[in-house]
Amino acid sequence: MEETDYINLISINPNIRFGKPCIKGTRIAIVDILGWLTLGMSYEEIYENFPEIRREHILVALSYASKREEITRLIIA
């Protein structure tokens, strides 16, 4: 997943979900997707429950979380 994908797939708007990063065009936050995966939901279950979510959205959520963790480690170091 490239950084340009973040721009195309993730939006941050202070008026939507209190500024949490969300899948563009939805109110589904990155943290929601990560939470569903943590609960053991499969990609297919997520698609069934949230038809606006596609595979690329799940992958960008995972990539975003990974990059955010890297940035946090750099700031602390």
Protein backbone atom coordinates (compact mmCIF):
# COMPACT_ATOMS: atom_id res chain seq x y z
CA MET A 1 0.00 0.00 0.00
CA GLU A 2 1.47 3.33 -1.02
CA GLU A 3 1.10 6.63 0.79
CA THR A 4 -0.94 8.02 -2.10
CA ASP A 5 -3.57 5.41 -1.25
CA TYR A 6 -4.12 7.17 2.07
CA ILE A 7 -5.03 10.37 0.27
CA ASN A 8 -7.43 8.53 -2.03
CA LEU A 9 -9.05 6.28 0.57
CA ILE A 10 -8.84 8.00 3.96
CA SER A 11 -10.24 11.34 5.03
CA ILE A 12 -9.94 13.28 8.25
CA ASN A 13 -12.72 15.77 8.87
CA PRO A 14 -13.28 17.34 12.30
CA ASN A 15 -17.04 17.24 11.63
CA ILE A 16 -17.12 13.48 11.02
CA ARG A 17 -16.47 11.08 13.90
CA PHE A 18 -14.67 13.84 15.84
CA GLY A 19 -11.85 13.96 13.30
CA LYS A 20 -10.96 10.27 13.43
CA PRO A 21 -9.45 8.98 10.18
CA CYS A 22 -12.31 7.43 8.17
CA ILE A 23 -12.77 5.64 4.90
CA LYS A 24 -13.47 8.42 2.44
CA GLY A 25 -17.17 8.88 1.73
CA THR A 26 -18.25 6.95 4.83
CA ARG A 27 -18.43 7.41 8.58
CA ILE A 28 -16.46 4.19 9.10
CA ALA A 29 -13.30 4.96 11.05
CA ILE A 30 -10.01 3.13 10.64
CA VAL A 31 -10.30 2.14 14.30
CA ASP A 32 -13.67 0.48 13.52
CA ILE A 33 -12.09 -1.76 10.89
CA LEU A 34 -9.18 -2.62 13.17
CA GLY A 35 -11.62 -3.45 15.96
CA TRP A 36 -13.67 -5.76 13.75
CA LEU A 37 -10.53 -7.59 12.69
CA THR A 38 -9.43 -7.86 16.31
CA LEU A 39 -12.78 -9.40 17.19
CA GLY A 40 -12.07 -12.08 14.59
CA MET A 41 -14.35 -10.89 11.80
CA SER A 42 -13.23 -12.12 8.40
CA TYR A 43 -12.97 -9.80 5.43
CA GLU A 44 -16.10 -11.47 4.06
CA GLU A 45 -18.06 -10.80 7.26
CA ILE A 46 -17.03 -7.16 7.15
CA TYR A 47 -18.14 -6.90 3.51
CA GLU A 48 -21.50 -8.49 4.35
CA ASN A 49 -22.15 -6.18 7.29
CA PHE A 50 -20.74 -3.03 5.68
CA PRO A 51 -21.23 -3.23 1.90
CA GLU A 52 -19.48 0.10 1.34
CA ILE A 53 -16.20 -1.48 2.54
CA ARG A 54 -13.95 -3.13 -0.03
CA ARG A 55 -10.76 -5.16 0.36
CA GLU A 56 -8.61 -2.12 -0.39
CA HIS A 57 -10.25 -0.27 2.53
CA ILE A 58 -9.27 -3.02 4.96
CA LEU A 59 -5.73 -3.08 3.59
CA VAL A 60 -5.35 0.70 3.81
CA ALA A 61 -6.62 0.59 7.41
CA LEU A 62 -3.97 -1.97 8.31
CA SER A 63 -1.29 -0.05 6.47
CA TYR A 64 -2.32 3.24 8.08
CA ALA A 65 -2.15 1.68 11.55
CA SER A 66 1.25 0.20 10.78
CA LYS A 67 2.67 3.51 9.56
CA ARG A 68 1.21 5.34 12.53
CA GLU A 69 2.96 2.91 14.87
CA GLU A 70 6.27 3.55 13.10
CA ILE A 71 5.85 7.31 13.50
CA THR A 72 5.05 6.92 17.20
CA ARG A 73 8.22 4.88 17.75
CA LEU A 74 10.32 7.50 15.96
CA ILE A 75 8.91 10.33 18.07
CA ILE A 76 9.54 8.47 21.34
CA ALA A 77 13.08 7.46 20.35
